[in-house]
C-alpha atoms as a PDB file:
ATOM      1  CA  MET A   1      76.897 107.337 131.641  1.00  0.00           C
ATOM      2  CA  VAL A   2      75.940 110.749 132.912  1.00  0.00           C
ATOM      3  CA  PHE A   3      72.311 110.118 132.793  1.00  0.00           C
ATOM      4  CA  LEU A   4      73.628 107.029 135.011  1.00  0.00           C
ATOM      5  CA  PHE A   5      75.233 108.960 137.246  1.00  0.00           C
ATOM      6  CA  HIS A   6      72.529 111.853 137.865  1.00  0.00           C
ATOM      7  CA  ASN A   7      70.228 108.506 138.730  1.00  0.00           C
ATOM      8  CA  ARG A   8      72.348 106.534 140.413  1.00  0.00           C
ATOM      9  CA  LYS A   9      71.117 107.213 143.898  1.00  0.00           C
ATOM     10  CA  TYR A  10      67.651 105.687 142.763  1.00  0.00           C
ATOM     11  CA  TRP A  11      69.615 102.548 142.980  1.00  0.00           C
ATOM     12  CA  ARG A  12      71.917 102.237 145.928  1.00  0.00           C
ATOM     13  CA  GLY A  13      69.755  99.906 148.149  1.00  0.00           C
ATOM     14  CA  TRP A  14      69.295  97.065 145.456  1.00  0.00           C
ATOM     15  CA  LEU A  15      72.665  97.448 143.116  1.00  0.00           C
ATOM     16  CA  PRO A  16      76.005  95.736 144.710  1.00  0.00           C
ATOM     17  CA  ASP A  17      77.923  98.268 146.161  1.00  0.00           C
ATOM     18  CA  PHE A  18      80.358  97.411 143.522  1.00  0.00           C
ATOM     19  CA  ILE A  19      78.627  98.564 140.504  1.00  0.00           C
ATOM     20  CA  ILE A  20      77.294 101.502 142.165  1.00  0.00           C
ATOM     21  CA  GLN A  21      81.258 102.548 143.227  1.00  0.00           C
ATOM     22  CA  ASN A  22      81.415 102.271 139.326  1.00  0.00           C
ATOM     23  CA  LEU A  23      78.673 104.647 138.559  1.00  0.00           C
ATOM     24  CA  ASN A  24      79.424 107.361 141.001  1.00  0.00           C
ATOM     25  CA  GLU A  25      82.428 107.708 138.734  1.00  0.00           C
ATOM     26  CA  PHE A  26      79.796 107.836 135.343  1.00  0.00           C
ATOM     27  CA  HIS A  27      80.690 111.594 135.402  1.00  0.00           C
ATOM     28  CA  THR A  28      83.289 110.170 133.378  1.00  0.00           C
ATOM     29  CA  GLY A  29      81.267 110.543 130.036  1.00  0.00           C
ATOM     30  CA  VAL A  30      81.707 114.218 130.642  1.00  0.00           C
ATOM     31  CA  SER A  31      85.488 113.721 130.243  1.00  0.00           C
ATOM     32  CA  LEU A  32      84.595 112.252 126.684  1.00  0.00           C
ATOM     33  CA  PHE A  33      82.235 114.784 125.796  1.00  0.00           C
ATOM     34  CA  PHE A  34      85.437 117.828 126.638  1.00  0.00           C
ATOM     35  CA  VAL A  35      88.127 115.372 124.003  1.00  0.00           C
ATOM     36  CA  LEU A  36      86.047 114.684 121.581  1.00  0.00           C
ATOM     37  CA  SER A  37      84.977 118.587 121.859  1.00  0.00           C
ATOM     38  CA  GLY A  38      88.659 119.233 121.465  1.00  0.00           C
ATOM     39  CA  PHE A  39      88.857 117.132 118.836  1.00  0.00           C
ATOM     40  CA  LEU A  40      86.283 118.417 116.507  1.00  0.00           C
ATOM     41  CA  ILE A  41      86.471 122.261 117.349  1.00  0.00           C
ATOM     42  CA  ALA A  42      90.690 121.695 116.238  1.00  0.00           C
ATOM     43  CA  TYR A  43      89.899 119.371 113.145  1.00  0.00           C
ATOM     44  CA  THR A  44      86.803 121.684 112.188  1.00  0.00           C
ATOM     45  CA  TYR A  45      88.536 125.078 112.436  1.00  0.00           C
ATOM     46  CA  GLN A  46      92.244 124.626 113.831  1.00  0.00           C
ATOM     47  CA  ASP A  47      93.358 128.261 113.834  1.00  0.00           C
ATOM     48  CA  LYS A  48      91.613 130.219 111.015  1.00  0.00           C
ATOM     49  CA  PRO A  49      89.438 132.043 113.125  1.00  0.00           C
ATOM     50  CA  LEU A  50      92.852 134.159 114.167  1.00  0.00           C
ATOM     51  CA  GLN A  51      93.057 135.579 110.435  1.00  0.00           C
ATOM     52  CA  SER A  52      91.152 138.689 111.175  1.00  0.00           C
ATOM     53  CA  THR A  53      89.320 139.882 113.916  1.00  0.00           C
ATOM     54  CA  LYS A  54      85.671 139.283 111.536  1.00  0.00           C
ATOM     55  CA  GLU A  55      86.439 135.764 111.508  1.00  0.00           C
ATOM     56  CA  TYR A  56      87.265 135.368 114.873  1.00  0.00           C
ATOM     57  CA  CYS A  57      83.489 136.734 115.822  1.00  0.00           C
ATOM     58  CA  LYS A  58      81.797 134.549 113.025  1.00  0.00           C
ATOM     59  CA  TYR A  59      83.488 131.547 115.000  1.00  0.00           C
ATOM     60  CA  LEU A  60      82.511 132.328 118.071  1.00  0.00           C
ATOM     61  CA  PHE A  61      78.541 133.308 116.958  1.00  0.00           C
ATOM     62  CA  ILE A  62      78.503 130.312 115.866  1.00  0.00           C
ATOM     63  CA  ARG A  63      79.700 128.276 118.800  1.00  0.00           C
ATOM     64  CA  PHE A  64      77.717 130.417 120.513  1.00  0.00           C
ATOM     65  CA  ALA A  65      74.734 129.849 118.367  1.00  0.00           C
ATOM     66  CA  ARG A  66      75.272 126.157 118.879  1.00  0.00           C
ATOM     67  CA  ILE A  67      74.542 126.447 122.660  1.00  0.00           C
ATOM     68  CA  PHE A  68      72.255 129.695 123.749  1.00  0.00           C
ATOM     69  CA  PRO A  69      69.512 129.522 122.398  1.00  0.00           C
ATOM     70  CA  ILE A  70      67.797 126.321 123.652  1.00  0.00           C
ATOM     71  CA  TYR A  71      69.545 127.020 126.612  1.00  0.00           C
ATOM     72  CA  ILE A  72      68.492 130.217 127.135  1.00  0.00           C
ATOM     73  CA  ILE A  73      64.552 129.129 126.187  1.00  0.00           C
ATOM     74  CA  ILE A  74      64.661 125.563 128.874  1.00  0.00           C
ATOM     75  CA  LEU A  75      66.402 128.360 131.357  1.00  0.00           C
ATOM     76  CA  THR A  76      63.465 131.088 130.798  1.00  0.00           C
ATOM     77  CA  ALA A  77      60.695 128.725 130.961  1.00  0.00           C
ATOM     78  CA  GLY A  78      61.918 127.315 134.361  1.00  0.00           C
ATOM     79  CA  TYR A  79      62.017 130.918 136.051  1.00  0.00           C
ATOM     80  CA  ILE A  80      58.527 131.442 134.530  1.00  0.00           C
ATOM     81  CA  ASP A  81      57.166 128.232 135.574  1.00  0.00           C
ATOM     82  CA  PHE A  82      58.792 128.257 139.158  1.00  0.00           C
ATOM     83  CA  GLY A  83      59.575 132.282 139.684  1.00  0.00           C
ATOM     84  CA  PHE A  84      62.754 134.113 138.924  1.00  0.00           C
ATOM     85  CA  PRO A  85      65.671 134.662 141.493  1.00  0.00           C
ATOM     86  CA  LYS A  86      67.208 137.386 142.403  1.00  0.00           C
ATOM     87  CA  SER A  87      68.550 139.547 139.543  1.00  0.00           C
ATOM     88  CA  THR A  88      72.364 139.118 139.697  1.00  0.00           C
ATOM     89  CA  LEU A  89      72.004 135.146 139.811  1.00  0.00           C
ATOM     90  CA  ILE A  90      69.694 136.010 136.558  1.00  0.00           C
ATOM     91  CA  PHE A  91      72.804 137.192 134.984  1.00  0.00           C
ATOM     92  CA  TYR A  92      75.306 134.976 136.137  1.00  0.00           C
ATOM     93  CA  ASN A  93      72.783 132.397 134.668  1.00  0.00           C
ATOM     94  CA  TYR A  94      72.231 133.842 131.361  1.00  0.00           C
ATOM     95  CA  THR A  95      75.477 134.660 130.629  1.00  0.00           C
ATOM     96  CA  LEU A  96      77.017 131.531 132.128  1.00  0.00           C
ATOM     97  CA  LEU A  97      79.243 133.393 135.033  1.00  0.00           C
ATOM     98  CA  LYS A  98      78.065 131.050 137.177  1.00  0.00           C
ATOM     99  CA  GLY A  99      79.995 128.536 136.406  1.00  0.00           C
ATOM    100  CA  PHE A 100      83.139 129.942 137.531  1.00  0.00           C
ATOM    101  CA  SER A 101      81.498 130.302 141.022  1.00  0.00           C
ATOM    102  CA  ASP A 102      82.041 127.707 143.891  1.00  0.00           C
ATOM    103  CA  LYS A 103      79.027 128.487 144.820  1.00  0.00           C
ATOM    104  CA  TYR A 104      76.172 129.163 141.714  1.00  0.00           C
ATOM    105  CA  ASN A 105      77.957 126.578 139.313  1.00  0.00           C
ATOM    106  CA  LEU A 106      75.323 124.110 140.131  1.00  0.00           C
ATOM    107  CA  ASP A 107      72.364 126.804 140.109  1.00  0.00           C
ATOM    108  CA  SER A 108      69.398 126.427 137.855  1.00  0.00           C
ATOM    109  CA  LEU A 109      70.618 124.016 135.281  1.00  0.00           C
ATOM    110  CA  PRO A 110      72.827 122.290 137.540  1.00  0.00           C
ATOM    111  CA  GLN A 111      74.387 121.009 134.665  1.00  0.00           C
ATOM    112  CA  ALA A 112      74.777 123.904 132.934  1.00  0.00           C
ATOM    113  CA  TRP A 113      78.575 124.283 135.063  1.00  0.00           C
ATOM    114  CA  SER A 114      80.216 122.591 132.111  1.00  0.00           C
ATOM    115  CA  LEU A 115      79.130 124.184 129.468  1.00  0.00           C
ATOM    116  CA  THR A 116      80.634 127.712 131.091  1.00  0.00           C
ATOM    117  CA  VAL A 117      83.859 125.491 130.391  1.00  0.00           C
ATOM    118  CA  GLU A 118      82.863 124.519 127.118  1.00  0.00           C
ATOM    119  CA  LEU A 119      82.272 128.128 126.264  1.00  0.00           C
ATOM    120  CA  SER A 120      85.991 129.126 127.848  1.00  0.00           C
ATOM    121  CA  PHE A 121      87.578 126.389 125.576  1.00  0.00           C
ATOM    122  CA  TYR A 122      85.652 127.931 122.702  1.00  0.00           C
ATOM    123  CA  ILE A 123      87.209 131.620 122.899  1.00  0.00           C
ATOM    124  CA  ILE A 124      90.572 129.810 123.393  1.00  0.00           C
ATOM    125  CA  ALA A 125      90.177 126.725 121.241  1.00  0.00           C
ATOM    126  CA  PRO A 126      92.046 128.902 117.930  1.00  0.00           C
ATOM    127  CA  PHE A 127      95.112 130.437 120.248  1.00  0.00           C
ATOM    128  CA  MET A 128      95.902 126.810 121.622  1.00  0.00           C
ATOM    129  CA  TYR A 129      95.654 125.596 117.700  1.00  0.00           C
ATOM    130  CA  PHE A 130      98.099 128.105 116.579  1.00  0.00           C
ATOM    131  CA  LEU A 131     100.855 127.566 119.790  1.00  0.00           C
ATOM    132  CA  THR A 132     100.602 123.657 119.169  1.00  0.00           C
ATOM    133  CA  ARG A 133     101.851 124.095 115.297  1.00  0.00           C
ATOM    134  CA  LYS A 134     104.729 126.795 116.738  1.00  0.00           C
ATOM    135  CA  ASN A 135     105.642 124.103 119.729  1.00  0.00           C
ATOM    136  CA  ILE A 136     103.287 121.978 121.996  1.00  0.00           C
ATOM    137  CA  ILE A 137     105.331 122.842 125.214  1.00  0.00           C
ATOM    138  CA  LYS A 138     104.598 126.799 124.915  1.00  0.00           C
ATOM    139  CA  THR A 139     100.825 125.253 124.217  1.00  0.00           C
ATOM    140  CA  VAL A 140     101.246 123.666 127.709  1.00  0.00           C
ATOM    141  CA  LEU A 141     103.461 126.853 129.294  1.00  0.00           C
ATOM    142  CA  PHE A 142     100.119 129.334 128.029  1.00  0.00           C
ATOM    143  CA  LEU A 143      97.903 126.883 129.892  1.00  0.00           C
ATOM    144  CA  LEU A 144      99.141 126.650 132.684  1.00  0.00           C
ATOM    145  CA  ALA A 145      99.990 130.234 133.329  1.00  0.00           C
ATOM    146  CA  LEU A 146      95.853 130.900 133.105  1.00  0.00           C
ATOM    147  CA  THR A 147      95.594 127.921 135.690  1.00  0.00           C
ATOM    148  CA  ILE A 148      98.083 129.940 137.659  1.00  0.00           C
ATOM    149  CA  ILE A 149      96.332 132.992 137.213  1.00  0.00           C
ATOM    150  CA  ALA A 150      93.035 131.689 138.204  1.00  0.00           C
ATOM    151  CA  PHE A 151      94.667 130.332 141.324  1.00  0.00           C
ATOM    152  CA  ILE A 152      95.788 133.959 141.872  1.00  0.00           C
ATOM    153  CA  ILE A 153      92.519 135.350 141.610  1.00  0.00           C
ATOM    154  CA  GLY A 154      90.622 133.084 143.713  1.00  0.00           C
ATOM    155  CA  TYR A 155      92.538 133.172 146.579  1.00  0.00           C
ATOM    156  CA  THR A 156      93.852 136.673 146.489  1.00  0.00           C
ATOM    157  CA  TRP A 157      90.226 137.578 146.653  1.00  0.00           C
ATOM    158  CA  TYR A 158      89.797 134.411 149.282  1.00  0.00           C
ATOM    159  CA  PHE A 159      92.679 136.317 151.482  1.00  0.00           C
ATOM    160  CA  ILE A 160      91.003 140.057 150.936  1.00  0.00           C
ATOM    161  CA  ASN A 161      86.929 139.306 152.465  1.00  0.00           C
ATOM    162  CA  GLY A 162      86.908 135.323 151.996  1.00  0.00           C
ATOM    163  CA  ASN A 163      85.656 135.597 148.865  1.00  0.00           C
ATOM    164  CA  PRO A 164      82.063 134.749 149.635  1.00  0.00           C
ATOM    165  CA  GLU A 165      80.820 133.670 146.124  1.00  0.00           C
ATOM    166  CA  ARG A 166      83.523 131.612 146.042  1.00  0.00           C
ATOM    167  CA  TRP A 167      84.841 132.735 142.448  1.00  0.00           C
ATOM    168  CA  LEU A 168      87.689 130.549 140.695  1.00  0.00           C
ATOM    169  CA  TYR A 169      87.944 128.895 144.430  1.00  0.00           C
ATOM    170  CA  ASN A 170      88.931 126.411 146.130  1.00  0.00           C
ATOM    171  CA  TRP A 171      91.580 124.292 144.127  1.00  0.00           C
ATOM    172  CA  LEU A 172      89.177 121.174 143.916  1.00  0.00           C
ATOM    173  CA  PHE A 173      86.858 123.573 142.431  1.00  0.00           C
ATOM    174  CA  ILE A 174      88.796 124.445 140.027  1.00  0.00           C
ATOM    175  CA  PHE A 175      90.441 121.584 139.063  1.00  0.00           C
ATOM    176  CA  GLY A 176      86.847 119.747 138.907  1.00  0.00           C
ATOM    177  CA  SER A 177      84.746 122.423 136.932  1.00  0.00           C
ATOM    178  CA  THR A 178      86.582 125.318 135.429  1.00  0.00           C
ATOM    179  CA  PHE A 179      88.605 124.901 131.878  1.00  0.00           C
ATOM    180  CA  PHE A 180      91.518 125.832 134.103  1.00  0.00           C
ATOM    181  CA  GLY A 181      91.864 122.485 135.639  1.00  0.00           C
ATOM    182  CA  ARG A 182      90.230 120.805 132.885  1.00  0.00           C
ATOM    183  CA  PHE A 183      91.755 122.168 130.050  1.00  0.00           C
ATOM    184  CA  PRO A 184      94.607 118.509 129.387  1.00  0.00           C
ATOM    185  CA  GLU A 185      91.021 116.672 128.312  1.00  0.00           C
ATOM    186  CA  PHE A 186      90.516 119.399 125.202  1.00  0.00           C
ATOM    187  CA  LEU A 187      94.190 119.671 124.933  1.00  0.00           C
ATOM    188  CA  ILE A 188      94.458 116.092 124.241  1.00  0.00           C
ATOM    189  CA  GLY A 189      91.562 116.032 121.694  1.00  0.00           C
ATOM    190  CA  LEU A 190      93.102 119.063 120.024  1.00  0.00           C
ATOM    191  CA  LEU A 191      96.555 117.331 119.901  1.00  0.00           C
ATOM    192  CA  LEU A 192      94.358 114.160 118.501  1.00  0.00           C
ATOM    193  CA  ALA A 193      93.194 116.617 115.485  1.00  0.00           C
ATOM    194  CA  HIS A 194      96.487 118.017 114.876  1.00  0.00           C
ATOM    195  CA  TYR A 195      98.563 114.772 115.094  1.00  0.00           C
ATOM    196  CA  LEU A 196      95.773 112.939 112.476  1.00  0.00           C
ATOM    197  CA  LYS A 197      96.602 115.654 110.152  1.00  0.00           C
ATOM    198  CA  GLN A 198     100.215 115.007 110.107  1.00  0.00           C
ATOM    199  CA  GLU A 199     101.125 112.580 107.516  1.00  0.00           C
ATOM    200  CA  LYS A 200     104.447 111.142 109.276  1.00  0.00           C
ATOM    201  CA  SER A 201     102.777 110.982 113.304  1.00  0.00           C
ATOM    202  CA  PHE A 202     103.515 108.733 115.557  1.00  0.00           C
ATOM    203  CA  LEU A 203      99.549 107.080 115.705  1.00  0.00           C
ATOM    204  CA  LYS A 204     100.420 105.672 112.607  1.00  0.00           C
ATOM    205  CA  LYS A 205     102.636 103.553 113.884  1.00  0.00           C
ATOM    206  CA  LEU A 206      99.814 102.145 117.071  1.00  0.00           C
ATOM    207  CA  PRO A 207      98.620  98.837 116.121  1.00  0.00           C
ATOM    208  CA  VAL A 208      95.103  98.901 114.238  1.00  0.00           C
ATOM    209  CA  LYS A 209      93.355  95.490 115.017  1.00  0.00           C
ATOM    210  CA  ASN A 210      91.561  95.384 118.014  1.00  0.00           C
ATOM    211  CA  LEU A 211      92.391  99.042 119.080  1.00  0.00           C
ATOM    212  CA  THR A 212      88.953  99.834 119.857  1.00  0.00           C
ATOM    213  CA  LEU A 213      88.248  96.923 122.155  1.00  0.00           C
ATOM    214  CA  ILE A 214      91.779  97.574 123.979  1.00  0.00           C
ATOM    215  CA  THR A 215      90.968 101.393 124.502  1.00  0.00           C
ATOM    216  CA  CYS A 216      87.540 100.491 125.601  1.00  0.00           C
ATOM    217  CA  ILE A 217      89.211  98.218 128.263  1.00  0.00           C
ATOM    218  CA  LEU A 218      91.587 100.778 129.186  1.00  0.00           C
ATOM    219  CA  MET A 219      88.563 103.568 129.830  1.00  0.00           C
ATOM    220  CA  GLY A 220      86.765 101.196 131.678  1.00  0.00           C
ATOM    221  CA  LEU A 221      90.097 100.010 134.307  1.00  0.00           C
ATOM    222  CA  SER A 222      90.905 104.176 134.446  1.00  0.00           C
ATOM    223  CA  ILE A 223      87.381 104.390 135.582  1.00  0.00           C
ATOM    224  CA  TYR A 224      87.670 101.462 138.392  1.00  0.00           C
ATOM    225  CA  CYS A 225      90.983 102.429 139.405  1.00  0.00           C
ATOM    226  CA  ILE A 226      89.025 105.886 140.337  1.00  0.00           C
ATOM    227  CA  SER A 227      85.976 104.571 142.178  1.00  0.00           C
ATOM    228  CA  ILE A 228      89.333 102.693 144.030  1.00  0.00           C
ATOM    229  CA  PHE A 229      89.917 106.305 145.876  1.00  0.00           C
ATOM    230  CA  GLU A 230      86.109 106.180 147.310  1.00  0.00           C
ATOM    231  CA  LYS A 231      85.589 106.076 150.794  1.00  0.00           C
ATOM    232  CA  ASP A 232      81.750 105.049 150.492  1.00  0.00           C
ATOM    233  CA  VAL A 233      78.954 104.446 147.863  1.00  0.00           C
ATOM    234  CA  TYR A 234      78.322 108.419 148.896  1.00  0.00           C
ATOM    235  CA  ASP A 235      81.610 109.564 147.266  1.00  0.00           C
ATOM    236  CA  LEU A 236      83.667 110.209 144.423  1.00  0.00           C
ATOM    237  CA  GLY A 237      87.057 109.250 143.580  1.00  0.00           C
ATOM    238  CA  THR A 238      87.645 112.650 142.199  1.00  0.00           C
ATOM    239  CA  GLU A 239      87.267 114.271 145.189  1.00  0.00           C
ATOM    240  CA  HIS A 240      90.822 112.728 145.684  1.00  0.00           C
ATOM    241  CA  ILE A 241      93.917 113.493 144.392  1.00  0.00           C
ATOM    242  CA  PRO A 242      94.744 110.609 143.063  1.00  0.00           C
ATOM    243  CA  GLY A 243      91.565 109.586 141.147  1.00  0.00           C
ATOM    244  CA  LEU A 244      91.365 113.587 139.924  1.00  0.00           C
ATOM    245  CA  ILE A 245      94.765 113.127 138.308  1.00  0.00           C
ATOM    246  CA  ILE A 246      93.730 109.801 136.466  1.00  0.00           C
ATOM    247  CA  ARG A 247      90.176 111.673 135.243  1.00  0.00           C
ATOM    248  CA  ASN A 248      92.210 114.825 133.922  1.00  0.00           C
ATOM    249  CA  LEU A 249      95.319 113.478 132.752  1.00  0.00           C
ATOM    250  CA  LEU A 250      95.380 109.724 131.712  1.00  0.00           C
ATOM    251  CA  LEU A 251      91.717 108.909 130.966  1.00  0.00           C
ATOM    252  CA  PRO A 252      91.742 111.320 128.390  1.00  0.00           C
ATOM    253  CA  VAL A 253      94.496 109.891 126.608  1.00  0.00           C
ATOM    254  CA  PHE A 254      92.391 107.006 126.482  1.00  0.00           C
ATOM    255  CA  ILE A 255      89.759 108.405 125.082  1.00  0.00           C
ATOM    256  CA  ALA A 256      91.344 110.068 122.456  1.00  0.00           C
ATOM    257  CA  LEU A 257      93.009 106.690 121.652  1.00  0.00           C
ATOM    258  CA  PHE A 258      89.342 105.466 121.422  1.00  0.00           C
ATOM    259  CA  LEU A 259      88.560 107.902 118.984  1.00  0.00           C
ATOM    260  CA  TYR A 260      90.997 107.475 116.517  1.00  0.00           C
ATOM    261  CA  ALA A 261      90.341 103.899 117.009  1.00  0.00           C
ATOM    262  CA  LEU A 262      87.040 104.483 115.776  1.00  0.00           C
ATOM    263  CA  ILE A 263      88.399 106.832 113.029  1.00  0.00           C
ATOM    264  CA  ILE A 264      90.638 103.736 111.516  1.00  0.00           C
ATOM    265  CA  GLU A 265      89.269 100.427 112.253  1.00  0.00           C
ATOM    266  CA  THR A 266      86.022  99.446 111.373  1.00  0.00           C
ATOM    267  CA  THR A 267      84.079  97.748 113.913  1.00  0.00           C
ATOM    268  CA  TRP A 268      80.922  96.510 114.968  1.00  0.00           C
ATOM    269  CA  LEU A 269      80.487  99.442 117.288  1.00  0.00           C
ATOM    270  CA  SER A 270      81.656 102.145 114.670  1.00  0.00           C
ATOM    271  CA  LYS A 271      78.918 100.862 112.486  1.00  0.00           C
ATOM    272  CA  ILE A 272      76.263 101.499 115.107  1.00  0.00           C
ATOM    273  CA  LEU A 273      77.759 104.307 115.415  1.00  0.00           C
ATOM    274  CA  SER A 274      77.342 105.623 111.968  1.00  0.00           C
ATOM    275  CA  THR A 275      73.971 104.890 111.659  1.00  0.00           C
ATOM    276  CA  GLN A 276      71.308 107.348 110.833  1.00  0.00           C
ATOM    277  CA  MET A 277      69.668 106.824 114.146  1.00  0.00           C
ATOM    278  CA  ALA A 278      72.855 107.188 115.458  1.00  0.00           C
ATOM    279  CA  VAL A 279      73.607 110.168 114.266  1.00  0.00           C
ATOM    280  CA  LEU A 280      70.159 111.836 114.941  1.00  0.00           C
ATOM    281  CA  LEU A 281      70.822 110.633 118.527  1.00  0.00           C
ATOM    282  CA  GLY A 282      73.940 112.342 118.320  1.00  0.00           C
ATOM    283  CA  ASN A 283      72.521 115.639 117.118  1.00  0.00           C
ATOM    284  CA  ALA A 284      69.816 115.804 119.899  1.00  0.00           C
ATOM    285  CA  SER A 285      72.688 114.725 122.462  1.00  0.00           C
ATOM    286  CA  TYR A 286      72.764 118.549 123.445  1.00  0.00           C
ATOM    287  CA  ILE A 287      69.030 118.841 124.509  1.00  0.00           C
ATOM    288  CA  PHE A 288      68.967 115.764 126.223  1.00  0.00           C
ATOM    289  CA  TYR A 289      71.998 117.195 128.364  1.00  0.00           C
ATOM    290  CA  LEU A 290      69.971 120.159 129.206  1.00  0.00           C
ATOM    291  CA  VAL A 291      66.984 118.361 129.881  1.00  0.00           C
ATOM    292  CA  HIS A 292      68.318 114.594 131.664  1.00  0.00           C
ATOM    293  CA  ILE A 293      67.733 117.209 135.050  1.00  0.00           C
ATOM    294  CA  GLY A 294      66.638 119.984 135.917  1.00  0.00           C
ATOM    295  CA  TYR A 295      63.501 122.117 134.927  1.00  0.00           C
ATOM    296  CA  VAL A 296      62.288 119.561 132.148  1.00  0.00           C
ATOM    297  CA  ASN A 297      62.786 116.651 133.906  1.00  0.00           C
ATOM    298  CA  ARG A 298      60.966 117.964 137.147  1.00  0.00           C
ATOM    299  CA  LYS A 299      58.292 118.141 134.941  1.00  0.00           C
ATOM    300  CA  THR A 300      57.588 114.844 133.404  1.00  0.00           C
ATOM    301  CA  LEU A 301      58.194 113.157 136.793  1.00  0.00           C
ATOM    302  CA  ASN A 302      54.720 112.407 136.327  1.00  0.00           C
ATOM    303  CA  TYR A 303      55.007 110.570 133.206  1.00  0.00           C
ATOM    304  CA  HIS A 304      56.801 107.811 134.330  1.00  0.00           C
ATOM    305  CA  PHE A 305      55.546 104.939 131.475  1.00  0.00           C
ATOM    306  CA  ILE A 306      58.149 102.580 131.906  1.00  0.00           C
ATOM    307  CA  SER A 307      60.490 102.367 135.087  1.00  0.00           C
ATOM    308  CA  ASP A 308      63.982 104.044 133.119  1.00  0.00           C
ATOM    309  CA  ARG A 309      63.984 107.402 135.003  1.00  0.00           C
ATOM    310  CA  ASN A 310      62.146 108.651 131.710  1.00  0.00           C
ATOM    311  CA  PHE A 311      65.309 107.571 129.806  1.00  0.00           C
ATOM    312  CA  VAL A 312      63.207 107.030 126.156  1.00  0.00           C
ATOM    313  CA  LEU A 313      60.678 110.104 127.121  1.00  0.00           C
ATOM    314  CA  LEU A 314      63.472 112.421 127.807  1.00  0.00           C
ATOM    315  CA  TRP A 315      65.017 111.271 124.298  1.00  0.00           C
ATOM    316  CA  ALA A 316      62.056 111.818 122.563  1.00  0.00           C
ATOM    317  CA  ILE A 317      61.613 115.319 123.753  1.00  0.00           C
ATOM    318  CA  SER A 318      64.815 116.375 122.922  1.00  0.00           C
ATOM    319  CA  ILE A 319      64.683 114.573 119.050  1.00  0.00           C
ATOM    320  CA  THR A 320      61.607 116.541 118.950  1.00  0.00           C
ATOM    321  CA  ALA A 321      63.020 120.036 120.404  1.00  0.00           C
ATOM    322  CA  TYR A 322      66.245 119.136 118.234  1.00  0.00           C
ATOM    323  CA  LEU A 323      64.359 118.817 115.189  1.00  0.00           C
ATOM    324  CA  LEU A 324      61.659 121.387 115.491  1.00  0.00           C
ATOM    325  CA  ILE A 325      63.738 123.783 117.655  1.00  0.00           C
ATOM    326  CA  GLU A 326      67.508 124.187 117.771  1.00  0.00           C
ATOM    327  CA  LYS A 327      68.083 122.924 113.942  1.00  0.00           C
ATOM    328  CA  PRO A 328      66.201 125.402 112.146  1.00  0.00           C
ATOM    329  CA  ILE A 329      67.509 128.528 114.879  1.00  0.00           C
ATOM    330  CA  TYR A 330      71.174 127.287 114.337  1.00  0.00           C
ATOM    331  CA  ASN A 331      70.966 127.049 110.838  1.00  0.00           C
ATOM    332  CA  PHE A 332      69.247 130.475 110.421  1.00  0.00           C
ATOM    333  CA  VAL A 333      71.944 132.221 112.187  1.00  0.00           C
ATOM    334  CA  ARG A 334      75.130 130.198 110.750  1.00  0.00           C
ATOM    335  CA  ASN A 335      73.676 131.023 107.339  1.00  0.00           C
ATOM    336  CA  ASN A 336      73.261 134.389 108.106  1.00  0.00           C
ATOM    337  CA  ILE A 337      76.864 134.834 109.761  1.00  0.00           C
ATOM    338  CA  ASN A 338      78.478 133.523 106.823  1.00  0.00           C
ATOM    339  CA  LYS A 339      76.791 135.901 104.534  1.00  0.00           C
ATOM    340  CA  TRP A 340      79.168 138.699 106.458  1.00  0.00           C
END
């Protein structure tokens, strides 16, 4: 979905506007990832990292080991090839602090803005799960308080000196590109994990038959509804409040129900996603996310074997890099951290 979203501009003019308008909202593939991430982190770790400072640090190191090594390798390769920017921008990119700035969040590897959102969630996820076990309302209030603090920082900075680098500014940036605005997606995934572990849960009352199909239809309708608010094929529905609300609040619910359907219902889709090839693609998908636009994609532009915007070639690169680089590094770090 995200690959199609980033390449949609190449198909304007020969694809019908209706299709382009829907492709304009395929950035919602990121929403699926955020909900899935919220579910997996909560289901795997719960609030166990809070048992001690040591356990929390081990948890963070393992999560960082999943993200930073391959990101740093690609980012550094790009800098060596095309030149290093000013030192402050290098710092923002290597630390992923750039994701908190509306001016810098799309710099270098533009898609990495979502890594800042993801890392923000990793840091706070155990606390979210701990509060959820006590009282879900307290969890929501806690997250809303963080959002309010983010607004206060960004807008106070703006009133003081104009906030020239637009840190946590403005409201559309906060709700569209930071954890403080996107937390509902993670929270809904976390709640899915929470209720899935309960013997008596409202999830058990949902109809099992055709739940995968129904939730797929609901997700598709949500994306279509977001596209309704576009002014033209160059606009995004999420640039407008109704579309933003659907993306941040309604779509994640349908995504969570879709994930639940995959867990409890056996369908041709669940069988396909359970194959070894699908699992391999899933493992390599993080690298695909890092290479499908940006430095690696630019380096492969001269190697178009078929008219697919190098979709197949980029997947081949991703799988190879996963097996030879990402997986060995991650396993090495994880094994050593577990020995602490």
